[in-house]
Structures are given as structure tokens and as C-alpha cells.
Amino acid sequence: MKPSTIHALAESRIKEARARGLFDDLPGAGEPLPEDRVKVEPGGDRMAARVASMVGHVPLEIQLGRRIKELRLLAFERKLTEAESKELRDASIRLAVLHQTAGRHLTASKVPFMPG
């Protein structure tokens, strides 16, 4: 089926269900929808991101960002070990490459701190 055919079929079934009153007593009727916690870049695959979120998948970009933040905070408390410094550099480079590949270049304010 073509997407337009699927869309037309879905709209038709929604109209039929509405006419039969199947949407009348749904929980939360008349209330605003809850905020969608899944943020997807324009043109991104929202459904895939929602499914991944529901099963507990954390995107690599988020994992790297969290680890970079942890290591940056640790660097303010004490001198990082050589392994931690290497992990911070590697994670920062990987995150920058992910952003660049996706066409989202890091601005100067978002470049992860890398201790000397």
C-alpha cells in the first residue's frame, strides 16, 4: 500500500470509531496530553525513538554526554587519572563526530571540557 492509501484508510477508520462513540470515555478525556519526553531532531524517526525509550534504550549520544559530564565534574574534585583523561578525550571526540555526522556541529559553548 502507498502511504497515501494507508493514511486515507486510517482516517476512515478513525472517523468510523468516532461516529460509534469509541473515543468518548477514554481516560484523560478533555485534559491536555502529557509532555512527550522523546525529543527527536526534525525529520528524525519519532516512532523508533519512542519505542527505544520505552524499552530503556539510551542513545549513544546521551550516554557519551552523561559520561563526559561525570568526568568533567570529577576533574573539578581531583586530578583525573591517565585512563580517565583518555576516556574523556575519546568520549568528547566520539560525541563531536556524532554531532558532525548528524549535521549538528557543536558550538564553542558545548565543546566538552578536556583537562590538560
PDB file of N, CA and C in Angstrom:
ATOM      1  N   MET A   1       0.829  -1.191   0.000  1.00  0.00           N
ATOM      2  CA  MET A   1       0.000   0.000   0.000  1.00  0.00           C
ATOM      3  C   MET A   1       0.866   1.245   0.000  1.00  0.00           C
ATOM      4  N   LYS A   2       0.415   2.257  -0.715  1.00  0.00           N
ATOM      5  CA  LYS A   2       1.112   3.547  -0.724  1.00  0.00           C
ATOM      6  C   LYS A   2       0.801   4.286   0.578  1.00  0.00           C
ATOM      7  N   PRO A   3       1.721   5.131   1.027  1.00  0.00           N
ATOM      8  CA  PRO A   3       1.471   5.889   2.257  1.00  0.00           C
ATOM      9  C   PRO A   3       0.158   6.663   2.223  1.00  0.00           C
ATOM     10  N   SER A   4      -0.197   7.225   1.066  1.00  0.00           N
ATOM     11  CA  SER A   4      -1.444   7.991   0.996  1.00  0.00           C
ATOM     12  C   SER A   4      -2.653   7.080   1.179  1.00  0.00           C
ATOM     13  N   THR A   5      -2.548   5.835   0.707  1.00  0.00           N
ATOM     14  CA  THR A   5      -3.638   4.873   0.867  1.00  0.00           C
ATOM     15  C   THR A   5      -3.778   4.481   2.331  1.00  0.00           C
ATOM     16  N   ILE A   6      -2.644   4.246   2.987  1.00  0.00           N
ATOM     17  CA  ILE A   6      -2.665   3.901   4.407  1.00  0.00           C
ATOM     18  C   ILE A   6      -3.238   5.057   5.218  1.00  0.00           C
ATOM     19  N   HIS A   7      -2.822   6.273   4.891  1.00  0.00           N
ATOM     20  CA  HIS A   7      -3.320   7.455   5.592  1.00  0.00           C
ATOM     21  C   HIS A   7      -4.835   7.576   5.433  1.00  0.00           C
ATOM     22  N   ALA A   8      -5.317   7.398   4.211  1.00  0.00           N
ATOM     23  CA  ALA A   8      -6.755   7.506   3.955  1.00  0.00           C
ATOM     24  C   ALA A   8      -7.519   6.419   4.711  1.00  0.00           C
ATOM     25  N   LEU A   9      -6.993   5.203   4.736  1.00  0.00           N
ATOM     26  CA  LEU A   9      -7.640   4.107   5.452  1.00  0.00           C
ATOM     27  C   LEU A   9      -7.686   4.396   6.950  1.00  0.00           C
ATOM     28  N   ALA A  10      -6.567   4.878   7.496  1.00  0.00           N
ATOM     29  CA  ALA A  10      -6.529   5.205   8.926  1.00  0.00           C
ATOM     30  C   ALA A  10      -7.529   6.301   9.257  1.00  0.00           C
ATOM     31  N   GLU A  11      -7.581   7.341   8.444  1.00  0.00           N
ATOM     32  CA  GLU A  11      -8.535   8.435   8.683  1.00  0.00           C
ATOM     33  C   GLU A  11      -9.972   7.930   8.629  1.00  0.00           C
ATOM     34  N   SER A  12     -10.250   7.045   7.683  1.00  0.00           N
ATOM     35  CA  SER A  12     -11.589   6.488   7.549  1.00  0.00           C
ATOM     36  C   SER A  12     -11.981   5.699   8.795  1.00  0.00           C
ATOM     37  N   ARG A  13     -11.054   4.883   9.284  1.00  0.00           N
ATOM     38  CA  ARG A  13     -11.353   4.069  10.482  1.00  0.00           C
ATOM     39  C   ARG A  13     -11.494   4.942  11.725  1.00  0.00           C
ATOM     40  N   ILE A  14     -10.724   6.001  11.813  1.00  0.00           N
ATOM     41  CA  ILE A  14     -10.850   6.920  12.951  1.00  0.00           C
ATOM     42  C   ILE A  14     -12.216   7.594  12.923  1.00  0.00           C
ATOM     43  N   LYS A  15     -12.661   8.031  11.740  1.00  0.00           N
ATOM     44  CA  LYS A  15     -13.991   8.661  11.618  1.00  0.00           C
ATOM     45  C   LYS A  15     -15.087   7.692  12.035  1.00  0.00           C
ATOM     46  N   GLU A  16     -14.978   6.438  11.579  1.00  0.00           N
ATOM     47  CA  GLU A  16     -15.980   5.435  11.942  1.00  0.00           C
ATOM     48  C   GLU A  16     -16.011   5.210  13.453  1.00  0.00           C
ATOM     49  N   ALA A  17     -14.850   5.090  14.058  1.00  0.00           N
ATOM     50  CA  ALA A  17     -14.772   4.861  15.502  1.00  0.00           C
ATOM     51  C   ALA A  17     -15.336   6.055  16.272  1.00  0.00           C
ATOM     52  N   ARG A  18     -15.034   7.256  15.802  1.00  0.00           N
ATOM     53  CA  ARG A  18     -15.560   8.460  16.449  1.00  0.00           C
ATOM     54  C   ARG A  18     -17.076   8.490  16.352  1.00  0.00           C
ATOM     55  N   ALA A  19     -17.621   8.145  15.178  1.00  0.00           N
ATOM     56  CA  ALA A  19     -19.077   8.140  14.978  1.00  0.00           C
ATOM     57  C   ALA A  19     -19.751   7.104  15.880  1.00  0.00           C
ATOM     58  N   ARG A  20     -19.076   6.000  16.151  1.00  0.00           N
ATOM     59  CA  ARG A  20     -19.638   4.960  17.014  1.00  0.00           C
ATOM     60  C   ARG A  20     -19.416   5.264  18.495  1.00  0.00           C
ATOM     61  N   GLY A  21     -18.713   6.352  18.809  1.00  0.00           N
ATOM     62  CA  GLY A  21     -18.511   6.759  20.195  1.00  0.00           C
ATOM     63  C   GLY A  21     -17.407   6.013  20.919  1.00  0.00           C
ATOM     64  N   LEU A  22     -16.514   5.389  20.166  1.00  0.00           N
ATOM     65  CA  LEU A  22     -15.457   4.602  20.802  1.00  0.00           C
ATOM     66  C   LEU A  22     -14.404   5.453  21.516  1.00  0.00           C
ATOM     67  N   PHE A  23     -14.371   6.736  21.241  1.00  0.00           N
ATOM     68  CA  PHE A  23     -13.394   7.612  21.883  1.00  0.00           C
ATOM     69  C   PHE A  23     -14.009   8.431  23.018  1.00  0.00           C
ATOM     70  N   ASP A  24     -15.277   8.235  23.295  1.00  0.00           N
ATOM     71  CA  ASP A  24     -15.990   9.097  24.245  1.00  0.00           C
ATOM     72  C   ASP A  24     -15.529   8.979  25.690  1.00  0.00           C
ATOM     73  N   ASP A  25     -15.229   7.785  26.154  1.00  0.00           N
ATOM     74  CA  ASP A  25     -14.912   7.593  27.576  1.00  0.00           C
ATOM     75  C   ASP A  25     -13.459   7.191  27.828  1.00  0.00           C
ATOM     76  N   LEU A  26     -12.564   7.718  27.040  1.00  0.00           N
ATOM     77  CA  LEU A  26     -11.151   7.390  27.228  1.00  0.00           C
ATOM     78  C   LEU A  26     -10.603   8.095  28.462  1.00  0.00           C
ATOM     79  N   PRO A  27      -9.656   7.452  29.173  1.00  0.00           N
ATOM     80  CA  PRO A  27      -9.048   8.119  30.335  1.00  0.00           C
ATOM     81  C   PRO A  27      -8.353   9.416  29.896  1.00  0.00           C
ATOM     82  N   GLY A  28      -8.490  10.436  30.699  1.00  0.00           N
ATOM     83  CA  GLY A  28      -7.839  11.701  30.399  1.00  0.00           C
ATOM     84  C   GLY A  28      -8.581  12.551  29.384  1.00  0.00           C
ATOM     85  N   ALA A  29      -9.805  12.160  29.030  1.00  0.00           N
ATOM     86  CA  ALA A  29     -10.579  12.927  28.046  1.00  0.00           C
ATOM     87  C   ALA A  29     -10.743  14.364  28.520  1.00  0.00           C
ATOM     88  N   GLY A  30     -10.504  15.297  27.624  1.00  0.00           N
ATOM     89  CA  GLY A  30     -10.655  16.713  27.936  1.00  0.00           C
ATOM     90  C   GLY A  30      -9.450  17.324  28.644  1.00  0.00           C
ATOM     91  N   GLU A  31      -8.440  16.521  28.946  1.00  0.00           N
ATOM     92  CA  GLU A  31      -7.246  17.028  29.610  1.00  0.00           C
ATOM     93  C   GLU A  31      -6.120  17.155  28.591  1.00  0.00           C
ATOM     94  N   PRO A  32      -5.153  18.029  28.843  1.00  0.00           N
ATOM     95  CA  PRO A  32      -4.030  18.140  27.900  1.00  0.00           C
ATOM     96  C   PRO A  32      -3.218  16.845  27.876  1.00  0.00           C
ATOM     97  N   LEU A  33      -2.621  16.581  26.748  1.00  0.00           N
ATOM     98  CA  LEU A  33      -1.774  15.403  26.623  1.00  0.00           C
ATOM     99  C   LEU A  33      -0.530  15.575  27.488  1.00  0.00           C
ATOM    100  N   PRO A  34      -0.014  14.483  28.050  1.00  0.00           N
ATOM    101  CA  PRO A  34       1.226  14.615  28.827  1.00  0.00           C
ATOM    102  C   PRO A  34       2.367  15.020  27.906  1.00  0.00           C
ATOM    103  N   GLU A  35       3.361  15.690  28.485  1.00  0.00           N
ATOM    104  CA  GLU A  35       4.514  16.127  27.687  1.00  0.00           C
ATOM    105  C   GLU A  35       5.260  14.916  27.149  1.00  0.00           C
ATOM    106  N   ASP A  36       5.623  14.971  25.892  1.00  0.00           N
ATOM    107  CA  ASP A  36       6.358  13.889  25.255  1.00  0.00           C
ATOM    108  C   ASP A  36       7.815  13.998  25.662  1.00  0.00           C
ATOM    109  N   ARG A  37       8.330  12.971  26.347  1.00  0.00           N
ATOM    110  CA  ARG A  37       9.711  13.010  26.816  1.00  0.00           C
ATOM    111  C   ARG A  37      10.704  12.701  25.709  1.00  0.00           C
ATOM    112  N   VAL A  38      10.223  12.189  24.582  1.00  0.00           N
ATOM    113  CA  VAL A  38      11.121  11.821  23.485  1.00  0.00           C
ATOM    114  C   VAL A  38      11.290  13.024  22.563  1.00  0.00           C
ATOM    115  N   LYS A  39      12.495  13.554  22.546  1.00  0.00           N
ATOM    116  CA  LYS A  39      12.805  14.678  21.668  1.00  0.00           C
ATOM    117  C   LYS A  39      13.577  14.132  20.472  1.00  0.00           C
ATOM    118  N   VAL A  40      13.080  14.405  19.288  1.00  0.00           N
ATOM    119  CA  VAL A  40      13.720  13.912  18.072  1.00  0.00           C
ATOM    120  C   VAL A  40      14.002  15.100  17.172  1.00  0.00           C
ATOM    121  N   GLU A  41      15.158  15.062  16.541  1.00  0.00           N
ATOM    122  CA  GLU A  41      15.506  16.113  15.599  1.00  0.00           C
ATOM    123  C   GLU A  41      14.464  16.168  14.481  1.00  0.00           C
ATOM    124  N   PRO A  42      14.232  17.343  13.901  1.00  0.00           N
ATOM    125  CA  PRO A  42      13.297  17.425  12.773  1.00  0.00           C
ATOM    126  C   PRO A  42      13.695  16.422  11.694  1.00  0.00           C
ATOM    127  N   GLY A  43      12.717  15.684  11.219  1.00  0.00           N
ATOM    128  CA  GLY A  43      12.981  14.669  10.209  1.00  0.00           C
ATOM    129  C   GLY A  43      13.456  13.363  10.806  1.00  0.00           C
ATOM    130  N   GLY A  44      13.618  13.326  12.135  1.00  0.00           N
ATOM    131  CA  GLY A  44      14.065  12.102  12.798  1.00  0.00           C
ATOM    132  C   GLY A  44      12.936  11.095  12.871  1.00  0.00           C
ATOM    133  N   ASP A  45      13.261   9.903  13.280  1.00  0.00           N
ATOM    134  CA  ASP A  45      12.272   8.841  13.365  1.00  0.00           C
ATOM    135  C   ASP A  45      11.691   8.809  14.769  1.00  0.00           C
ATOM    136  N   ARG A  46      10.635   9.558  14.968  1.00  0.00           N
ATOM    137  CA  ARG A  46       9.999   9.709  16.268  1.00  0.00           C
ATOM    138  C   ARG A  46       9.516   8.364  16.826  1.00  0.00           C
ATOM    139  N   MET A  47       8.876   7.560  15.988  1.00  0.00           N
ATOM    140  CA  MET A  47       8.341   6.292  16.472  1.00  0.00           C
ATOM    141  C   MET A  47       9.467   5.378  16.956  1.00  0.00           C
ATOM    142  N   ALA A  48      10.537   5.294  16.200  1.00  0.00           N
ATOM    143  CA  ALA A  48      11.670   4.463  16.615  1.00  0.00           C
ATOM    144  C   ALA A  48      12.251   4.974  17.932  1.00  0.00           C
ATOM    145  N   ALA A  49      12.344   6.283  18.080  1.00  0.00           N
ATOM    146  CA  ALA A  49      12.874   6.868  19.310  1.00  0.00           C
ATOM    147  C   ALA A  49      11.961   6.564  20.498  1.00  0.00           C
ATOM    148  N   ARG A  50      10.653   6.604  20.285  1.00  0.00           N
ATOM    149  CA  ARG A  50       9.706   6.310  21.374  1.00  0.00           C
ATOM    150  C   ARG A  50       9.789   4.855  21.791  1.00  0.00           C
ATOM    151  N   VAL A  51       9.849   3.949  20.819  1.00  0.00           N
ATOM    152  CA  VAL A  51       9.954   2.522  21.132  1.00  0.00           C
ATOM    153  C   VAL A  51      11.252   2.255  21.887  1.00  0.00           C
ATOM    154  N   ALA A  52      12.341   2.824  21.409  1.00  0.00           N
ATOM    155  CA  ALA A  52      13.631   2.645  22.072  1.00  0.00           C
ATOM    156  C   ALA A  52      13.574   3.165  23.505  1.00  0.00           C
ATOM    157  N   SER A  53      12.913   4.298  23.705  1.00  0.00           N
ATOM    158  CA  SER A  53      12.778   4.880  25.034  1.00  0.00           C
ATOM    159  C   SER A  53      11.957   3.974  25.947  1.00  0.00           C
ATOM    160  N   MET A  54      10.888   3.400  25.407  1.00  0.00           N
ATOM    161  CA  MET A  54      10.009   2.549  26.209  1.00  0.00           C
ATOM    162  C   MET A  54      10.720   1.278  26.690  1.00  0.00           C
ATOM    163  N   VAL A  55      11.672   0.777  25.925  1.00  0.00           N
ATOM    164  CA  VAL A  55      12.384  -0.440  26.331  1.00  0.00           C
ATOM    165  C   VAL A  55      13.667  -0.121  27.083  1.00  0.00           C
ATOM    166  N   GLY A  56      13.879   1.149  27.385  1.00  0.00           N
ATOM    167  CA  GLY A  56      15.011   1.544  28.202  1.00  0.00           C
ATOM    168  C   GLY A  56      16.301   1.811  27.459  1.00  0.00           C
ATOM    169  N   HIS A  57      16.237   1.899  26.132  1.00  0.00           N
ATOM    170  CA  HIS A  57      17.450   2.186  25.360  1.00  0.00           C
ATOM    171  C   HIS A  57      17.838   3.650  25.520  1.00  0.00           C
ATOM    172  N   VAL A  58      19.104   3.875  25.769  1.00  0.00           N
ATOM    173  CA  VAL A  58      19.612   5.245  25.858  1.00  0.00           C
ATOM    174  C   VAL A  58      20.546   5.451  24.666  1.00  0.00           C
ATOM    175  N   PRO A  59      20.252   6.441  23.807  1.00  0.00           N
ATOM    176  CA  PRO A  59      21.096   6.675  22.637  1.00  0.00           C
ATOM    177  C   PRO A  59      22.553   6.934  23.024  1.00  0.00           C
ATOM    178  N   LEU A  60      23.461   6.517  22.151  1.00  0.00           N
ATOM    179  CA  LEU A  60      24.888   6.679  22.398  1.00  0.00           C
ATOM    180  C   LEU A  60      25.244   8.133  22.685  1.00  0.00           C
ATOM    181  N   GLU A  61      24.634   9.047  21.965  1.00  0.00           N
ATOM    182  CA  GLU A  61      24.897  10.476  22.163  1.00  0.00           C
ATOM    183  C   GLU A  61      24.611  10.894  23.608  1.00  0.00           C
ATOM    184  N   ILE A  62      23.513  10.379  24.171  1.00  0.00           N
ATOM    185  CA  ILE A  62      23.148  10.696  25.551  1.00  0.00           C
ATOM    186  C   ILE A  62      24.117  10.023  26.522  1.00  0.00           C
ATOM    187  N   GLN A  63      24.452   8.752  26.256  1.00  0.00           N
ATOM    188  CA  GLN A  63      25.398   8.033  27.112  1.00  0.00           C
ATOM    189  C   GLN A  63      26.731   8.769  27.169  1.00  0.00           C
ATOM    190  N   LEU A  64      27.233   9.190  26.005  1.00  0.00           N
ATOM    191  CA  LEU A  64      28.510   9.906  25.958  1.00  0.00           C
ATOM    192  C   LEU A  64      28.421  11.226  26.713  1.00  0.00           C
ATOM    193  N   GLY A  65      27.336  11.955  26.497  1.00  0.00           N
ATOM    194  CA  GLY A  65      27.163  13.236  27.185  1.00  0.00           C
ATOM    195  C   GLY A  65      27.148  13.078  28.694  1.00  0.00           C
ATOM    196  N   ARG A  66      26.459  12.040  29.174  1.00  0.00           N
ATOM    197  CA  ARG A  66      26.406  11.796  30.617  1.00  0.00           C
ATOM    198  C   ARG A  66      27.790  11.467  31.172  1.00  0.00           C
ATOM    199  N   ARG A  67      28.519  10.610  30.459  1.00  0.00           N
ATOM    200  CA  ARG A  67      29.848  10.211  30.938  1.00  0.00           C
ATOM    201  C   ARG A  67      30.809  11.398  30.919  1.00  0.00           C
ATOM    202  N   ILE A  68      30.726  12.224  29.884  1.00  0.00           N
ATOM    203  CA  ILE A  68      31.568  13.422  29.804  1.00  0.00           C
ATOM    204  C   ILE A  68      31.277  14.337  30.991  1.00  0.00           C
ATOM    205  N   LYS A  69      29.992  14.502  31.292  1.00  0.00           N
ATOM    206  CA  LYS A  69      29.604  15.356  32.421  1.00  0.00           C
ATOM    207  C   LYS A  69      30.164  14.796  33.732  1.00  0.00           C
ATOM    208  N   GLU A  70      30.052  13.466  33.924  1.00  0.00           N
ATOM    209  CA  GLU A  70      30.587  12.843  35.135  1.00  0.00           C
ATOM    210  C   GLU A  70      32.088  13.095  35.264  1.00  0.00           C
ATOM    211  N   LEU A  71      32.802  12.890  34.174  1.00  0.00           N
ATOM    212  CA  LEU A  71      34.256  13.060  34.206  1.00  0.00           C
ATOM    213  C   LEU A  71      34.649  14.526  34.398  1.00  0.00           C
ATOM    214  N   ARG A  72      33.885  15.438  33.801  1.00  0.00           N
ATOM    215  CA  ARG A  72      34.174  16.868  33.993  1.00  0.00           C
ATOM    216  C   ARG A  72      34.000  17.264  35.453  1.00  0.00           C
ATOM    217  N   LEU A  73      32.924  16.775  36.080  1.00  0.00           N
ATOM    218  CA  LEU A  73      32.693  17.078  37.495  1.00  0.00           C
ATOM    219  C   LEU A  73      33.798  16.480  38.357  1.00  0.00           C
ATOM    220  N   LEU A  74      34.202  15.277  38.024  1.00  0.00           N
ATOM    221  CA  LEU A  74      35.276  14.623  38.756  1.00  0.00           C
ATOM    222  C   LEU A  74      36.579  15.412  38.625  1.00  0.00           C
ATOM    223  N   ALA A  75      36.817  15.991  37.447  1.00  0.00           N
ATOM    224  CA  ALA A  75      38.044  16.765  37.207  1.00  0.00           C
ATOM    225  C   ALA A  75      38.117  18.002  38.091  1.00  0.00           C
ATOM    226  N   PHE A  76      36.969  18.519  38.531  1.00  0.00           N
ATOM    227  CA  PHE A  76      36.975  19.677  39.423  1.00  0.00           C
ATOM    228  C   PHE A  76      37.259  19.257  40.871  1.00  0.00           C
ATOM    229  N   GLU A  77      36.995  17.976  41.173  1.00  0.00           N
ATOM    230  CA  GLU A  77      37.233  17.485  42.528  1.00  0.00           C
ATOM    231  C   GLU A  77      38.678  17.042  42.726  1.00  0.00           C
ATOM    232  N   ARG A  78      39.239  16.442  41.704  1.00  0.00           N
ATOM    233  CA  ARG A  78      40.605  15.922  41.808  1.00  0.00           C
ATOM    234  C   ARG A  78      41.193  15.789  40.413  1.00  0.00           C
ATOM    235  N   LYS A  79      42.486  15.514  40.375  1.00  0.00           N
ATOM    236  CA  LYS A  79      43.154  15.301  39.091  1.00  0.00           C
ATOM    237  C   LYS A  79      42.702  13.953  38.533  1.00  0.00           C
ATOM    238  N   LEU A  80      42.315  13.954  37.260  1.00  0.00           N
ATOM    239  CA  LEU A  80      41.891  12.712  36.628  1.00  0.00           C
ATOM    240  C   LEU A  80      43.081  11.789  36.421  1.00  0.00           C
ATOM    241  N   THR A  81      42.819  10.493  36.513  1.00  0.00           N
ATOM    242  CA  THR A  81      43.869   9.527  36.204  1.00  0.00           C
ATOM    243  C   THR A  81      44.126   9.589  34.703  1.00  0.00           C
ATOM    244  N   GLU A  82      45.209   8.986  34.283  1.00  0.00           N
ATOM    245  CA  GLU A  82      45.528   8.960  32.853  1.00  0.00           C
ATOM    246  C   GLU A  82      44.408   8.263  32.065  1.00  0.00           C
ATOM    247  N   ALA A  83      43.886   7.171  32.614  1.00  0.00           N
ATOM    248  CA  ALA A  83      42.807   6.430  31.940  1.00  0.00           C
ATOM    249  C   ALA A  83      41.536   7.271  31.845  1.00  0.00           C
ATOM    250  N   GLU A  84      41.215   8.017  32.911  1.00  0.00           N
ATOM    251  CA  GLU A  84      40.031   8.877  32.893  1.00  0.00           C
ATOM    252  C   GLU A  84      40.190  10.014  31.892  1.00  0.00           C
ATOM    253  N   SER A  85      41.385  10.606  31.847  1.00  0.00           N
ATOM    254  CA  SER A  85      41.649  11.676  30.879  1.00  0.00           C
ATOM    255  C   SER A  85      41.501  11.170  29.452  1.00  0.00           C
ATOM    256  N   LYS A  86      42.022   9.960  29.203  1.00  0.00           N
ATOM    257  CA  LYS A  86      41.893   9.363  27.869  1.00  0.00           C
ATOM    258  C   LYS A  86      40.426   9.081  27.559  1.00  0.00           C
ATOM    259  N   GLU A  87      39.681   8.561  28.537  1.00  0.00           N
ATOM    260  CA  GLU A  87      38.261   8.281  28.326  1.00  0.00           C
ATOM    261  C   GLU A  87      37.494   9.573  28.012  1.00  0.00           C
ATOM    262  N   LEU A  88      37.829  10.657  28.718  1.00  0.00           N
ATOM    263  CA  LEU A  88      37.172  11.941  28.480  1.00  0.00           C
ATOM    264  C   LEU A  88      37.471  12.461  27.077  1.00  0.00           C
ATOM    265  N   ARG A  89      38.730  12.387  26.671  1.00  0.00           N
ATOM    266  CA  ARG A  89      39.098  12.830  25.313  1.00  0.00           C
ATOM    267  C   ARG A  89      38.380  11.989  24.259  1.00  0.00           C
ATOM    268  N   ASP A  90      38.420  10.664  24.433  1.00  0.00           N
ATOM    269  CA  ASP A  90      37.790   9.767  23.456  1.00  0.00           C
ATOM    270  C   ASP A  90      36.286   9.999  23.367  1.00  0.00           C
ATOM    271  N   ALA A  91      35.637  10.136  24.527  1.00  0.00           N
ATOM    272  CA  ALA A  91      34.185  10.357  24.538  1.00  0.00           C
ATOM    273  C   ALA A  91      33.846  11.702  23.894  1.00  0.00           C
ATOM    274  N   SER A  92      34.661  12.715  24.161  1.00  0.00           N
ATOM    275  CA  SER A  92      34.429  14.041  23.588  1.00  0.00           C
ATOM    276  C   SER A  92      34.556  14.016  22.070  1.00  0.00           C
ATOM    277  N   ILE A  93      35.559  13.287  21.590  1.00  0.00           N
ATOM    278  CA  ILE A  93      35.755  13.178  20.138  1.00  0.00           C
ATOM    279  C   ILE A  93      34.596  12.406  19.506  1.00  0.00           C
ATOM    280  N   ARG A  94      34.211  11.293  20.139  1.00  0.00           N
ATOM    281  CA  ARG A  94      33.093  10.500  19.599  1.00  0.00           C
ATOM    282  C   ARG A  94      31.806  11.323  19.545  1.00  0.00           C
ATOM    283  N   LEU A  95      31.552  12.109  20.599  1.00  0.00           N
ATOM    284  CA  LEU A  95      30.347  12.940  20.624  1.00  0.00           C
ATOM    285  C   LEU A  95      30.405  13.998  19.523  1.00  0.00           C
ATOM    286  N   ALA A  96      31.570  14.613  19.347  1.00  0.00           N
ATOM    287  CA  ALA A  96      31.725  15.622  18.293  1.00  0.00           C
ATOM    288  C   ALA A  96      31.497  15.001  16.913  1.00  0.00           C
ATOM    289  N   VAL A  97      32.015  13.790  16.708  1.00  0.00           N
ATOM    290  CA  VAL A  97      31.831  13.102  15.423  1.00  0.00           C
ATOM    291  C   VAL A  97      30.356  12.775  15.204  1.00  0.00           C
ATOM    292  N   LEU A  98      29.664  12.312  16.251  1.00  0.00           N
ATOM    293  CA  LEU A  98      28.223  12.028  16.130  1.00  0.00           C
ATOM    294  C   LEU A  98      27.458  13.290  15.735  1.00  0.00           C
ATOM    295  N   HIS A  99      27.771  14.393  16.390  1.00  0.00           N
ATOM    296  CA  HIS A  99      27.103  15.663  16.062  1.00  0.00           C
ATOM    297  C   HIS A  99      27.397  16.077  14.632  1.00  0.00           C
ATOM    298  N   GLN A 100      28.651  15.968  14.236  1.00  0.00           N
ATOM    299  CA  GLN A 100      29.036  16.381  12.886  1.00  0.00           C
ATOM    300  C   GLN A 100      28.366  15.493  11.840  1.00  0.00           C
ATOM    301  N   THR A 101      28.334  14.184  12.083  1.00  0.00           N
ATOM    302  CA  THR A 101      27.700  13.247  11.161  1.00  0.00           C
ATOM    303  C   THR A 101      26.222  13.559  10.991  1.00  0.00           C
ATOM    304  N   ALA A 102      25.581  13.976  12.091  1.00  0.00           N
ATOM    305  CA  ALA A 102      24.153  14.303  12.046  1.00  0.00           C
ATOM    306  C   ALA A 102      23.910  15.728  11.546  1.00  0.00           C
ATOM    307  N   GLY A 103      24.987  16.458  11.259  1.00  0.00           N
ATOM    308  CA  GLY A 103      24.831  17.834  10.779  1.00  0.00           C
ATOM    309  C   GLY A 103      24.581  18.826  11.893  1.00  0.00           C
ATOM    310  N   ARG A 104      24.842  18.421  13.129  1.00  0.00           N
ATOM    311  CA  ARG A 104      24.649  19.305  14.280  1.00  0.00           C
ATOM    312  C   ARG A 104      26.020  19.591  14.868  1.00  0.00           C
ATOM    313  N   HIS A 105      26.669  20.603  14.376  1.00  0.00           N
ATOM    314  CA  HIS A 105      28.020  20.929  14.839  1.00  0.00           C
ATOM    315  C   HIS A 105      27.956  21.521  16.236  1.00  0.00           C
ATOM    316  N   LEU A 106      28.900  21.137  17.059  1.00  0.00           N
ATOM    317  CA  LEU A 106      28.968  21.666  18.411  1.00  0.00           C
ATOM    318  C   LEU A 106      29.412  23.120  18.369  1.00  0.00           C
ATOM    319  N   THR A 107      28.762  23.957  19.160  1.00  0.00           N
ATOM    320  CA  THR A 107      29.200  25.341  19.283  1.00  0.00           C
ATOM    321  C   THR A 107      30.293  25.396  20.341  1.00  0.00           C
ATOM    322  N   ALA A 108      30.998  26.483  20.389  1.00  0.00           N
ATOM    323  CA  ALA A 108      32.101  26.611  21.344  1.00  0.00           C
ATOM    324  C   ALA A 108      31.629  26.383  22.771  1.00  0.00           C
ATOM    325  N   SER A 109      30.413  26.811  23.105  1.00  0.00           N
ATOM    326  CA  SER A 109      29.914  26.663  24.474  1.00  0.00           C
ATOM    327  C   SER A 109      29.562  25.216  24.795  1.00  0.00           C
ATOM    328  N   LYS A 110      29.419  24.361  23.766  1.00  0.00           N
ATOM    329  CA  LYS A 110      29.037  22.986  24.010  1.00  0.00           C
ATOM    330  C   LYS A 110      30.183  21.989  23.829  1.00  0.00           C
ATOM    331  N   VAL A 111      31.378  22.501  23.516  1.00  0.00           N
ATOM    332  CA  VAL A 111      32.523  21.612  23.374  1.00  0.00           C
ATOM    333  C   VAL A 111      32.880  21.132  24.762  1.00  0.00           C
ATOM    334  N   PRO A 112      32.943  19.798  24.952  1.00  0.00           N
ATOM    335  CA  PRO A 112      33.223  19.278  26.292  1.00  0.00           C
ATOM    336  C   PRO A 112      34.575  19.737  26.805  1.00  0.00           C
ATOM    337  N   PHE A 113      34.633  20.026  28.112  1.00  0.00           N
ATOM    338  CA  PHE A 113      35.858  20.422  28.775  1.00  0.00           C
ATOM    339  C   PHE A 113      36.836  19.258  28.756  1.00  0.00           C
ATOM    340  N   MET A 114      38.066  19.543  28.376  1.00  0.00           N
ATOM    341  CA  MET A 114      39.085  18.489  28.356  1.00  0.00           C
ATOM    342  C   MET A 114      40.290  18.999  29.127  1.00  0.00           C
ATOM    343  N   PRO A 115      40.508  18.473  30.332  1.00  0.00           N
ATOM    344  CA  PRO A 115      41.643  18.947  31.120  1.00  0.00           C
ATOM    345  C   PRO A 115      42.964  18.637  30.444  1.00  0.00           C
ATOM    346  N   GLY A 116      43.947  19.482  30.679  1.00  0.00           N
ATOM    347  CA  GLY A 116      45.252  19.337  30.058  1.00  0.00           C
ATOM    348  C   GLY A 116      46.114  18.283  30.663  1.00  0.00           C
TER     349      GLY A 116
END
